[in-house]
């Protein structure tokens, strides 16, 4: 580590664990087209209220294709409610959630441009910038040539490509949760919600262990989750448990100041895994880290009083 990096790490020294909450697929990508707009609207409003009540900063990554349709004004109003909130930062997630690994560079550049039109109009109204981009599926390029080409394009547009360090497959839990709700299996749905929170806490603990081993300190983490009914219903419990675990919730701007985010990604390929793995040059060590990550089916030990 260079002397400059060492100095930056010391300057960033933190007394508590920190995490930025980021939400992908806003506002409606996770829902079926058949789901009534009122249901999706209510879930978004509920989730926004959770962050507002807890004064928790959050960054959204938006797919504008979900704003189109016969209810366009009502759909845009849902996004506007998010963006006018001072706790909320906006990010571009591509127009239609296209996978860059299976899309040409030229076509994906159009996904970026087309995905910012309505968002920029709303942000102009609220005097906010649009500077973050996150690749759908965290697919940052099938090879180094396409990856570097898109990175240069994003930089020319003023975007910061946004990584994440922790995710807990909430989309898998959400699919099961929604299916159980649709069938009226409320007890099963409640168990799935509790399982999601428990697994997420276990995943946080694992990645904190990894960061201590890799960097000898807690880093400021970035948690990736999705805009869905599961998080609308169980985000209050998750935030409460993360608070008990010693986390302070910070904005993405603040967290990205951690010098670890200046690290170079050593991975190009089809998988959308954590940047804590991508920053590891040694393939053997990377595999060991990935093999140690808790599986969804791993039994969750009961909490001890």
C-alpha atoms as a PDB file:
ATOM      1  CA  UNK A   1       0.000   0.000   0.000  1.00  0.00           C
ATOM      2  CA  UNK A   2       1.392   3.417  -0.963  1.00  0.00           C
ATOM      3  CA  UNK A   3       2.130   6.092   1.629  1.00  0.00           C
ATOM      4  CA  UNK A   4      -0.659   8.214   0.123  1.00  0.00           C
ATOM      5  CA  UNK A   5      -3.128   5.353   0.494  1.00  0.00           C
ATOM      6  CA  UNK A   6      -1.994   4.724   4.078  1.00  0.00           C
ATOM      7  CA  UNK A   7      -2.541   8.396   4.906  1.00  0.00           C
ATOM      8  CA  UNK A   8      -5.973   8.310   3.270  1.00  0.00           C
ATOM      9  CA  UNK A   9      -6.945   5.213   5.264  1.00  0.00           C
ATOM     10  CA  UNK A  10      -5.924   6.885   8.524  1.00  0.00           C
ATOM     11  CA  UNK A  11      -7.852  10.003   7.548  1.00  0.00           C
ATOM     12  CA  UNK A  12     -10.933   7.860   6.982  1.00  0.00           C
ATOM     13  CA  UNK A  13     -10.569   6.000  10.283  1.00  0.00           C
ATOM     14  CA  UNK A  14     -13.991   5.324  11.762  1.00  0.00           C
ATOM     15  CA  UNK A  15     -15.119   4.385  15.243  1.00  0.00           C
ATOM     16  CA  UNK A  16     -18.277   2.596  14.109  1.00  0.00           C
ATOM     17  CA  UNK A  17     -19.228   0.361  11.233  1.00  0.00           C
ATOM     18  CA  UNK A  18     -20.743   2.243   8.313  1.00  0.00           C
ATOM     19  CA  UNK A  19     -23.009   1.217   5.469  1.00  0.00           C
ATOM     20  CA  UNK A  20     -24.762   2.923   2.585  1.00  0.00           C
ATOM     21  CA  UNK A  21     -28.118   1.442   1.578  1.00  0.00           C
ATOM     22  CA  UNK A  22     -28.619   1.247  -2.195  1.00  0.00           C
ATOM     23  CA  UNK A  23     -31.784   0.040  -3.911  1.00  0.00           C
ATOM     24  CA  UNK A  24     -31.865  -1.265  -7.478  1.00  0.00           C
ATOM     25  CA  UNK A  25     -34.788  -1.638  -9.905  1.00  0.00           C
ATOM     26  CA  UNK A  26     -36.696   1.463  -8.800  1.00  0.00           C
ATOM     27  CA  UNK A  27     -39.591   1.993  -8.980  1.00  0.00           C
ATOM     28  CA  UNK A  28     -41.398  -1.012 -10.470  1.00  0.00           C
ATOM     29  CA  UNK A  29     -38.980  -3.433 -12.147  1.00  0.00           C
ATOM     30  CA  UNK A  30     -39.371  -6.145  -9.524  1.00  0.00           C
ATOM     31  CA  UNK A  31     -43.138  -6.375  -9.930  1.00  0.00           C
ATOM     32  CA  UNK A  32     -45.146  -8.169 -12.606  1.00  0.00           C
ATOM     33  CA  UNK A  33     -46.825  -5.969 -15.212  1.00  0.00           C
ATOM     34  CA  UNK A  34     -50.099  -7.531 -14.016  1.00  0.00           C
ATOM     35  CA  UNK A  35     -49.666  -6.105 -10.514  1.00  0.00           C
ATOM     36  CA  UNK A  36     -51.963  -3.095 -10.075  1.00  0.00           C
ATOM     37  CA  UNK A  37     -50.155   0.231  -9.950  1.00  0.00           C
ATOM     38  CA  UNK A  38     -51.757   1.002  -6.566  1.00  0.00           C
ATOM     39  CA  UNK A  39     -50.048  -2.037  -5.028  1.00  0.00           C
ATOM     40  CA  UNK A  40     -46.648  -1.027  -6.393  1.00  0.00           C
ATOM     41  CA  UNK A  41     -47.220   2.609  -5.426  1.00  0.00           C
ATOM     42  CA  UNK A  42     -48.140   1.631  -1.863  1.00  0.00           C
ATOM     43  CA  UNK A  43     -44.998  -0.497  -1.494  1.00  0.00           C
ATOM     44  CA  UNK A  44     -42.766   2.330  -2.732  1.00  0.00           C
ATOM     45  CA  UNK A  45     -44.410   4.809  -0.389  1.00  0.00           C
ATOM     46  CA  UNK A  46     -44.063   2.402   2.524  1.00  0.00           C
ATOM     47  CA  UNK A  47     -40.369   1.850   1.823  1.00  0.00           C
ATOM     48  CA  UNK A  48     -39.710   5.575   1.480  1.00  0.00           C
ATOM     49  CA  UNK A  49     -41.460   6.198   4.787  1.00  0.00           C
ATOM     50  CA  UNK A  50     -39.162   3.681   6.498  1.00  0.00           C
ATOM     51  CA  UNK A  51     -36.054   5.620   5.455  1.00  0.00           C
ATOM     52  CA  UNK A  52     -37.665   8.972   6.227  1.00  0.00           C
ATOM     53  CA  UNK A  53     -38.720   7.904   9.720  1.00  0.00           C
ATOM     54  CA  UNK A  54     -35.253   6.543  10.483  1.00  0.00           C
ATOM     55  CA  UNK A  55     -33.438   9.442   8.784  1.00  0.00           C
ATOM     56  CA  UNK A  56     -31.524   6.870   6.723  1.00  0.00           C
ATOM     57  CA  UNK A  57     -29.871   8.083   3.489  1.00  0.00           C
ATOM     58  CA  UNK A  58     -30.587   5.883   0.484  1.00  0.00           C
ATOM     59  CA  UNK A  59     -29.485   5.780  -3.152  1.00  0.00           C
ATOM     60  CA  UNK A  60     -31.884   4.551  -5.835  1.00  0.00           C
ATOM     61  CA  UNK A  61     -30.952   3.025  -9.191  1.00  0.00           C
ATOM     62  CA  UNK A  62     -33.758   3.666 -11.659  1.00  0.00           C
ATOM     63  CA  UNK A  63     -35.071   1.795 -14.710  1.00  0.00           C
ATOM     64  CA  UNK A  64     -37.107   4.360 -16.643  1.00  0.00           C
ATOM     65  CA  UNK A  65     -38.881   1.784 -18.810  1.00  0.00           C
ATOM     66  CA  UNK A  66     -41.182   1.130 -15.848  1.00  0.00           C
ATOM     67  CA  UNK A  67     -42.339   4.753 -15.970  1.00  0.00           C
ATOM     68  CA  UNK A  68     -43.864   4.283 -19.425  1.00  0.00           C
ATOM     69  CA  UNK A  69     -47.450   3.249 -20.180  1.00  0.00           C
ATOM     70  CA  UNK A  70     -51.023   4.425 -19.877  1.00  0.00           C
ATOM     71  CA  UNK A  71     -50.450   5.484 -16.261  1.00  0.00           C
ATOM     72  CA  UNK A  72     -47.268   7.386 -17.037  1.00  0.00           C
ATOM     73  CA  UNK A  73     -48.031  10.486 -14.977  1.00  0.00           C
ATOM     74  CA  UNK A  74     -48.968   8.448 -11.906  1.00  0.00           C
ATOM     75  CA  UNK A  75     -45.857   6.327 -12.333  1.00  0.00           C
ATOM     76  CA  UNK A  76     -43.605   9.376 -12.599  1.00  0.00           C
ATOM     77  CA  UNK A  77     -45.278  10.845  -9.524  1.00  0.00           C
ATOM     78  CA  UNK A  78     -44.169   7.798  -7.522  1.00  0.00           C
ATOM     79  CA  UNK A  79     -40.559   8.400  -8.549  1.00  0.00           C
ATOM     80  CA  UNK A  80     -40.905  12.127  -7.886  1.00  0.00           C
ATOM     81  CA  UNK A  81     -41.944  11.390  -4.290  1.00  0.00           C
ATOM     82  CA  UNK A  82     -38.695   9.523  -3.828  1.00  0.00           C
ATOM     83  CA  UNK A  83     -36.479  12.111  -5.480  1.00  0.00           C
ATOM     84  CA  UNK A  84     -37.854  15.165  -3.703  1.00  0.00           C
ATOM     85  CA  UNK A  85     -36.878  13.643  -0.341  1.00  0.00           C
ATOM     86  CA  UNK A  86     -33.580  15.143   0.908  1.00  0.00           C
ATOM     87  CA  UNK A  87     -32.396  11.708   2.099  1.00  0.00           C
ATOM     88  CA  UNK A  88     -32.586  10.270  -1.403  1.00  0.00           C
ATOM     89  CA  UNK A  89     -29.854  10.210  -4.058  1.00  0.00           C
ATOM     90  CA  UNK A  90     -30.677   9.122  -7.607  1.00  0.00           C
ATOM     91  CA  UNK A  91     -28.728   6.778  -9.857  1.00  0.00           C
ATOM     92  CA  UNK A  92     -29.166   5.489 -13.409  1.00  0.00           C
ATOM     93  CA  UNK A  93     -29.671   1.710 -13.746  1.00  0.00           C
ATOM     94  CA  UNK A  94     -30.115   1.614 -17.511  1.00  0.00           C
ATOM     95  CA  UNK A  95     -33.361   2.155 -19.360  1.00  0.00           C
ATOM     96  CA  UNK A  96     -34.638  -1.416 -19.468  1.00  0.00           C
ATOM     97  CA  UNK A  97     -32.246  -3.311 -17.176  1.00  0.00           C
ATOM     98  CA  UNK A  98     -30.206  -4.690 -20.082  1.00  0.00           C
ATOM     99  CA  UNK A  99     -27.264  -6.986 -19.394  1.00  0.00           C
ATOM    100  CA  UNK A 100     -24.086  -5.337 -20.664  1.00  0.00           C
ATOM    101  CA  UNK A 101     -22.375  -8.711 -21.020  1.00  0.00           C
ATOM    102  CA  UNK A 102     -24.844  -9.624 -23.785  1.00  0.00           C
ATOM    103  CA  UNK A 103     -25.254  -6.119 -25.273  1.00  0.00           C
ATOM    104  CA  UNK A 104     -22.934  -4.259 -27.627  1.00  0.00           C
ATOM    105  CA  UNK A 105     -21.083  -1.220 -26.320  1.00  0.00           C
ATOM    106  CA  UNK A 106     -22.983   1.086 -28.705  1.00  0.00           C
ATOM    107  CA  UNK A 107     -26.374  -0.324 -27.724  1.00  0.00           C
ATOM    108  CA  UNK A 108     -25.570  -0.147 -24.041  1.00  0.00           C
ATOM    109  CA  UNK A 109     -24.492   3.468 -24.334  1.00  0.00           C
ATOM    110  CA  UNK A 110     -28.000   4.159 -25.615  1.00  0.00           C
ATOM    111  CA  UNK A 111     -29.393   2.308 -22.588  1.00  0.00           C
ATOM    112  CA  UNK A 112     -27.514   4.763 -20.380  1.00  0.00           C
ATOM    113  CA  UNK A 113     -28.648   7.841 -22.317  1.00  0.00           C
ATOM    114  CA  UNK A 114     -32.269   6.720 -22.622  1.00  0.00           C
ATOM    115  CA  UNK A 115     -32.333   5.779 -18.945  1.00  0.00           C
ATOM    116  CA  UNK A 116     -31.649   9.287 -17.662  1.00  0.00           C
ATOM    117  CA  UNK A 117     -34.250  11.435 -19.434  1.00  0.00           C
ATOM    118  CA  UNK A 118     -37.090  11.576 -16.906  1.00  0.00           C
ATOM    119  CA  UNK A 119     -34.746  11.282 -13.945  1.00  0.00           C
ATOM    120  CA  UNK A 120     -32.765  14.352 -15.005  1.00  0.00           C
ATOM    121  CA  UNK A 121     -35.966  16.333 -15.520  1.00  0.00           C
ATOM    122  CA  UNK A 122     -37.136  15.512 -11.996  1.00  0.00           C
ATOM    123  CA  UNK A 123     -33.742  16.140 -10.441  1.00  0.00           C
ATOM    124  CA  UNK A 124     -33.566  19.531 -12.128  1.00  0.00           C
ATOM    125  CA  UNK A 125     -36.826  20.403 -10.415  1.00  0.00           C
ATOM    126  CA  UNK A 126     -35.388  19.366  -7.033  1.00  0.00           C
ATOM    127  CA  UNK A 127     -31.940  20.865  -7.720  1.00  0.00           C
ATOM    128  CA  UNK A 128     -30.150  17.537  -7.381  1.00  0.00           C
ATOM    129  CA  UNK A 129     -27.380  15.974  -9.493  1.00  0.00           C
ATOM    130  CA  UNK A 130     -27.339  12.632 -11.298  1.00  0.00           C
ATOM    131  CA  UNK A 131     -23.853  11.206 -11.001  1.00  0.00           C
ATOM    132  CA  UNK A 132     -24.143   7.503 -10.148  1.00  0.00           C
ATOM    133  CA  UNK A 133     -24.632   4.572 -12.506  1.00  0.00           C
ATOM    134  CA  UNK A 134     -24.957   0.908 -11.614  1.00  0.00           C
ATOM    135  CA  UNK A 135     -24.782  -1.871 -14.178  1.00  0.00           C
ATOM    136  CA  UNK A 136     -27.846  -4.138 -14.196  1.00  0.00           C
ATOM    137  CA  UNK A 137     -26.892  -7.583 -12.865  1.00  0.00           C
ATOM    138  CA  UNK A 138     -23.576  -5.910 -11.946  1.00  0.00           C
ATOM    139  CA  UNK A 139     -22.421  -7.132 -15.352  1.00  0.00           C
ATOM    140  CA  UNK A 140     -19.569  -4.723 -16.026  1.00  0.00           C
ATOM    141  CA  UNK A 141     -18.368  -6.271 -19.308  1.00  0.00           C
ATOM    142  CA  UNK A 142     -17.679  -9.668 -20.836  1.00  0.00           C
ATOM    143  CA  UNK A 143     -14.079  -8.662 -21.574  1.00  0.00           C
ATOM    144  CA  UNK A 144     -11.630  -5.898 -20.695  1.00  0.00           C
ATOM    145  CA  UNK A 145     -12.084  -4.101 -24.031  1.00  0.00           C
ATOM    146  CA  UNK A 146     -15.835  -3.606 -23.600  1.00  0.00           C
ATOM    147  CA  UNK A 147     -15.452  -2.835 -19.917  1.00  0.00           C
ATOM    148  CA  UNK A 148     -12.880  -0.088 -20.450  1.00  0.00           C
ATOM    149  CA  UNK A 149     -14.882   1.360 -23.357  1.00  0.00           C
ATOM    150  CA  UNK A 150     -18.017   1.662 -21.234  1.00  0.00           C
ATOM    151  CA  UNK A 151     -16.092   3.018 -18.250  1.00  0.00           C
ATOM    152  CA  UNK A 152     -14.669   5.764 -20.482  1.00  0.00           C
ATOM    153  CA  UNK A 153     -18.154   6.550 -21.783  1.00  0.00           C
ATOM    154  CA  UNK A 154     -19.604   6.762 -18.269  1.00  0.00           C
ATOM    155  CA  UNK A 155     -16.775   9.049 -17.190  1.00  0.00           C
ATOM    156  CA  UNK A 156     -17.397  11.308 -20.191  1.00  0.00           C
ATOM    157  CA  UNK A 157     -21.042  11.570 -19.083  1.00  0.00           C
ATOM    158  CA  UNK A 158     -20.042  12.481 -15.530  1.00  0.00           C
ATOM    159  CA  UNK A 159     -21.117   9.165 -14.037  1.00  0.00           C
ATOM    160  CA  UNK A 160     -19.467   7.229 -11.225  1.00  0.00           C
ATOM    161  CA  UNK A 161     -19.775   3.472 -11.743  1.00  0.00           C
ATOM    162  CA  UNK A 162     -21.192   2.215  -8.465  1.00  0.00           C
ATOM    163  CA  UNK A 163     -19.936  -0.965  -6.798  1.00  0.00           C
ATOM    164  CA  UNK A 164     -21.337  -2.866  -3.860  1.00  0.00           C
ATOM    165  CA  UNK A 165     -19.686  -4.925  -1.157  1.00  0.00           C
ATOM    166  CA  UNK A 166     -22.636  -6.742   0.430  1.00  0.00           C
ATOM    167  CA  UNK A 167     -25.820  -8.249  -0.968  1.00  0.00           C
ATOM    168  CA  UNK A 168     -27.988 -11.038   0.392  1.00  0.00           C
ATOM    169  CA  UNK A 169     -29.964 -12.341  -2.592  1.00  0.00           C
ATOM    170  CA  UNK A 170     -33.041 -10.448  -1.463  1.00  0.00           C
ATOM    171  CA  UNK A 171     -34.523 -10.978  -4.939  1.00  0.00           C
ATOM    172  CA  UNK A 172     -34.682 -14.738  -4.268  1.00  0.00           C
ATOM    173  CA  UNK A 173     -36.346 -14.258  -0.907  1.00  0.00           C
ATOM    174  CA  UNK A 174     -38.661 -11.681  -2.501  1.00  0.00           C
ATOM    175  CA  UNK A 175     -39.813 -14.095  -5.184  1.00  0.00           C
ATOM    176  CA  UNK A 176     -40.746 -16.691  -2.578  1.00  0.00           C
ATOM    177  CA  UNK A 177     -42.302 -14.046  -0.336  1.00  0.00           C
ATOM    178  CA  UNK A 178     -44.472 -12.631  -3.116  1.00  0.00           C
ATOM    179  CA  UNK A 179     -45.604 -16.114  -4.163  1.00  0.00           C
ATOM    180  CA  UNK A 180     -46.642 -16.883  -0.586  1.00  0.00           C
ATOM    181  CA  UNK A 181     -48.511 -13.589  -0.278  1.00  0.00           C
ATOM    182  CA  UNK A 182     -50.309 -14.248  -3.564  1.00  0.00           C
ATOM    183  CA  UNK A 183     -51.444 -17.640  -2.258  1.00  0.00           C
ATOM    184  CA  UNK A 184     -52.591 -16.177   1.050  1.00  0.00           C
ATOM    185  CA  UNK A 185     -49.935 -18.153   2.947  1.00  0.00           C
ATOM    186  CA  UNK A 186     -49.289 -15.360   5.443  1.00  0.00           C
ATOM    187  CA  UNK A 187     -47.469 -17.451   8.045  1.00  0.00           C
ATOM    188  CA  UNK A 188     -45.094 -18.823   5.418  1.00  0.00           C
ATOM    189  CA  UNK A 189     -44.536 -15.301   4.099  1.00  0.00           C
ATOM    190  CA  UNK A 190     -43.727 -14.030   7.585  1.00  0.00           C
ATOM    191  CA  UNK A 191     -41.194 -16.835   8.018  1.00  0.00           C
ATOM    192  CA  UNK A 192     -39.604 -15.938   4.679  1.00  0.00           C
ATOM    193  CA  UNK A 193     -39.344 -12.311   5.784  1.00  0.00           C
ATOM    194  CA  UNK A 194     -37.637 -13.307   9.018  1.00  0.00           C
ATOM    195  CA  UNK A 195     -35.330 -15.679   7.129  1.00  0.00           C
ATOM    196  CA  UNK A 196     -34.348 -12.831   4.818  1.00  0.00           C
ATOM    197  CA  UNK A 197     -33.383 -10.579   7.703  1.00  0.00           C
ATOM    198  CA  UNK A 198     -31.478 -13.359   9.498  1.00  0.00           C
ATOM    199  CA  UNK A 199     -29.577 -14.344   6.360  1.00  0.00           C
ATOM    200  CA  UNK A 200     -28.739 -10.718   5.605  1.00  0.00           C
ATOM    201  CA  UNK A 201     -27.282 -10.237   9.086  1.00  0.00           C
ATOM    202  CA  UNK A 202     -25.231 -13.402   8.677  1.00  0.00           C
ATOM    203  CA  UNK A 203     -23.973 -12.125   5.326  1.00  0.00           C
ATOM    204  CA  UNK A 204     -23.012  -8.761   6.816  1.00  0.00           C
ATOM    205  CA  UNK A 205     -21.050 -10.566   9.530  1.00  0.00           C
ATOM    206  CA  UNK A 206     -19.206 -12.633   6.926  1.00  0.00           C
ATOM    207  CA  UNK A 207     -18.187  -9.655   4.813  1.00  0.00           C
ATOM    208  CA  UNK A 208     -17.046  -7.750   7.899  1.00  0.00           C
ATOM    209  CA  UNK A 209     -14.791 -10.727   8.666  1.00  0.00           C
ATOM    210  CA  UNK A 210     -13.469 -10.636   5.089  1.00  0.00           C
ATOM    211  CA  UNK A 211     -12.706  -6.915   5.243  1.00  0.00           C
ATOM    212  CA  UNK A 212     -10.824  -7.313   8.524  1.00  0.00           C
ATOM    213  CA  UNK A 213      -8.749 -10.107   6.983  1.00  0.00           C
ATOM    214  CA  UNK A 214      -8.120  -8.199   3.748  1.00  0.00           C
ATOM    215  CA  UNK A 215      -7.619  -4.659   5.021  1.00  0.00           C
ATOM    216  CA  UNK A 216      -7.103  -4.947   8.762  1.00  0.00           C
ATOM    217  CA  UNK A 217      -9.938  -2.542   9.446  1.00  0.00           C
ATOM    218  CA  UNK A 218     -13.674  -2.093   8.941  1.00  0.00           C
ATOM    219  CA  UNK A 219     -14.386  -0.468   5.603  1.00  0.00           C
ATOM    220  CA  UNK A 220     -17.450   1.593   4.773  1.00  0.00           C
ATOM    221  CA  UNK A 221     -19.790  -0.961   3.181  1.00  0.00           C
ATOM    222  CA  UNK A 222     -22.337  -0.637   0.368  1.00  0.00           C
ATOM    223  CA  UNK A 223     -25.421  -2.843   0.676  1.00  0.00           C
ATOM    224  CA  UNK A 224     -27.321  -3.703  -2.503  1.00  0.00           C
ATOM    225  CA  UNK A 225     -30.987  -4.643  -2.321  1.00  0.00           C
ATOM    226  CA  UNK A 226     -34.061  -4.173  -4.515  1.00  0.00           C
ATOM    227  CA  UNK A 227     -37.322  -2.279  -4.642  1.00  0.00           C
ATOM    228  CA  UNK A 228     -39.849  -5.021  -3.814  1.00  0.00           C
ATOM    229  CA  UNK A 229     -42.634  -5.906  -1.416  1.00  0.00           C
ATOM    230  CA  UNK A 230     -40.287  -7.876   0.833  1.00  0.00           C
ATOM    231  CA  UNK A 231     -38.137  -4.846   1.588  1.00  0.00           C
ATOM    232  CA  UNK A 232     -41.192  -2.625   1.945  1.00  0.00           C
ATOM    233  CA  UNK A 233     -42.396  -4.947   4.717  1.00  0.00           C
ATOM    234  CA  UNK A 234     -39.108  -6.022   6.347  1.00  0.00           C
ATOM    235  CA  UNK A 235     -36.733  -3.088   5.910  1.00  0.00           C
ATOM    236  CA  UNK A 236     -37.769  -1.667   9.324  1.00  0.00           C
ATOM    237  CA  UNK A 237     -36.655  -4.886  11.033  1.00  0.00           C
ATOM    238  CA  UNK A 238     -33.455  -5.098   8.985  1.00  0.00           C
ATOM    239  CA  UNK A 239     -32.468  -1.506   9.782  1.00  0.00           C
ATOM    240  CA  UNK A 240     -33.210  -2.058  13.475  1.00  0.00           C
ATOM    241  CA  UNK A 241     -31.050  -5.191  13.541  1.00  0.00           C
ATOM    242  CA  UNK A 242     -28.197  -3.500  11.680  1.00  0.00           C
ATOM    243  CA  UNK A 243     -28.347  -0.651  14.182  1.00  0.00           C
ATOM    244  CA  UNK A 244     -28.083  -3.187  17.023  1.00  0.00           C
ATOM    245  CA  UNK A 245     -25.087  -4.681  15.220  1.00  0.00           C
ATOM    246  CA  UNK A 246     -23.346  -1.297  15.436  1.00  0.00           C
ATOM    247  CA  UNK A 247     -23.905   0.201  11.992  1.00  0.00           C
ATOM    248  CA  UNK A 248     -24.240   3.872  11.169  1.00  0.00           C
ATOM    249  CA  UNK A 249     -26.172   4.571   7.965  1.00  0.00           C
ATOM    250  CA  UNK A 250     -24.324   6.909   5.638  1.00  0.00           C
ATOM    251  CA  UNK A 251     -24.955   8.360   2.197  1.00  0.00           C
ATOM    252  CA  UNK A 252     -23.299   6.816  -0.823  1.00  0.00           C
ATOM    253  CA  UNK A 253     -21.296  10.027  -1.221  1.00  0.00           C
ATOM    254  CA  UNK A 254     -19.826   9.573   2.259  1.00  0.00           C
ATOM    255  CA  UNK A 255     -19.111   5.869   1.922  1.00  0.00           C
ATOM    256  CA  UNK A 256     -17.407   6.240  -1.463  1.00  0.00           C
ATOM    257  CA  UNK A 257     -14.789   8.443   0.222  1.00  0.00           C
ATOM    258  CA  UNK A 258     -13.307   5.328   1.805  1.00  0.00           C
ATOM    259  CA  UNK A 259      -9.987   4.789  -0.017  1.00  0.00           C
ATOM    260  CA  UNK A 260     -10.895   1.141  -0.626  1.00  0.00           C
ATOM    261  CA  UNK A 261     -13.162   2.330  -3.453  1.00  0.00           C
ATOM    262  CA  UNK A 262     -10.098   3.520  -5.327  1.00  0.00           C
ATOM    263  CA  UNK A 263      -9.038  -0.125  -5.678  1.00  0.00           C
ATOM    264  CA  UNK A 264      -8.830  -1.678  -9.139  1.00  0.00           C
ATOM    265  CA  UNK A 265     -11.291  -4.388 -10.115  1.00  0.00           C
ATOM    266  CA  UNK A 266      -9.345  -7.448 -11.198  1.00  0.00           C
ATOM    267  CA  UNK A 267     -12.387  -9.265 -12.594  1.00  0.00           C
ATOM    268  CA  UNK A 268     -14.042  -9.292 -15.990  1.00  0.00           C
ATOM    269  CA  UNK A 269     -16.684 -11.889 -16.716  1.00  0.00           C
ATOM    270  CA  UNK A 270     -20.306 -12.998 -16.425  1.00  0.00           C
ATOM    271  CA  UNK A 271     -20.820 -12.952 -12.664  1.00  0.00           C
ATOM    272  CA  UNK A 272     -22.162 -10.054 -10.630  1.00  0.00           C
ATOM    273  CA  UNK A 273     -20.461 -10.713  -7.318  1.00  0.00           C
ATOM    274  CA  UNK A 274     -19.150  -8.358  -4.626  1.00  0.00           C
ATOM    275  CA  UNK A 275     -16.330  -5.928  -5.307  1.00  0.00           C
ATOM    276  CA  UNK A 276     -14.581  -7.369  -2.256  1.00  0.00           C
ATOM    277  CA  UNK A 277     -14.006 -10.400  -4.475  1.00  0.00           C
ATOM    278  CA  UNK A 278     -13.225  -8.343  -7.574  1.00  0.00           C
ATOM    279  CA  UNK A 279     -10.472  -6.407  -5.801  1.00  0.00           C
ATOM    280  CA  UNK A 280      -8.652  -9.650  -4.923  1.00  0.00           C
ATOM    281  CA  UNK A 281      -5.932 -10.393  -7.488  1.00  0.00           C
ATOM    282  CA  UNK A 282      -5.129 -13.901  -6.307  1.00  0.00           C
ATOM    283  CA  UNK A 283      -7.612 -16.320  -7.914  1.00  0.00           C
ATOM    284  CA  UNK A 284      -7.105 -18.969  -5.248  1.00  0.00           C
ATOM    285  CA  UNK A 285      -7.758 -16.491  -2.468  1.00  0.00           C
ATOM    286  CA  UNK A 286     -10.798 -15.127  -4.323  1.00  0.00           C
ATOM    287  CA  UNK A 287     -12.266 -18.617  -4.626  1.00  0.00           C
ATOM    288  CA  UNK A 288     -11.640 -19.285  -0.925  1.00  0.00           C
ATOM    289  CA  UNK A 289     -13.442 -16.072  -0.015  1.00  0.00           C
ATOM    290  CA  UNK A 290     -16.387 -16.902  -2.237  1.00  0.00           C
ATOM    291  CA  UNK A 291     -16.629 -20.469  -0.925  1.00  0.00           C
ATOM    292  CA  UNK A 292     -16.836 -19.116   2.616  1.00  0.00           C
ATOM    293  CA  UNK A 293     -19.864 -16.918   1.933  1.00  0.00           C
ATOM    294  CA  UNK A 294     -23.000 -18.202   3.704  1.00  0.00           C
ATOM    295  CA  UNK A 295     -25.451 -20.062   1.504  1.00  0.00           C
ATOM    296  CA  UNK A 296     -29.143 -19.220   1.616  1.00  0.00           C
ATOM    297  CA  UNK A 297     -29.925 -22.772   2.749  1.00  0.00           C
ATOM    298  CA  UNK A 298     -27.387 -22.683   5.579  1.00  0.00           C
ATOM    299  CA  UNK A 299     -29.294 -23.045   8.859  1.00  0.00           C
ATOM    300  CA  UNK A 300     -29.416 -19.795  10.795  1.00  0.00           C
ATOM    301  CA  UNK A 301     -28.309 -20.255  14.368  1.00  0.00           C
ATOM    302  CA  UNK A 302     -30.795 -18.904  16.945  1.00  0.00           C
ATOM    303  CA  UNK A 303     -29.787 -15.635  18.546  1.00  0.00           C
ATOM    304  CA  UNK A 304     -28.323 -16.093  22.004  1.00  0.00           C
ATOM    305  CA  UNK A 305     -29.423 -13.741  24.759  1.00  0.00           C
END
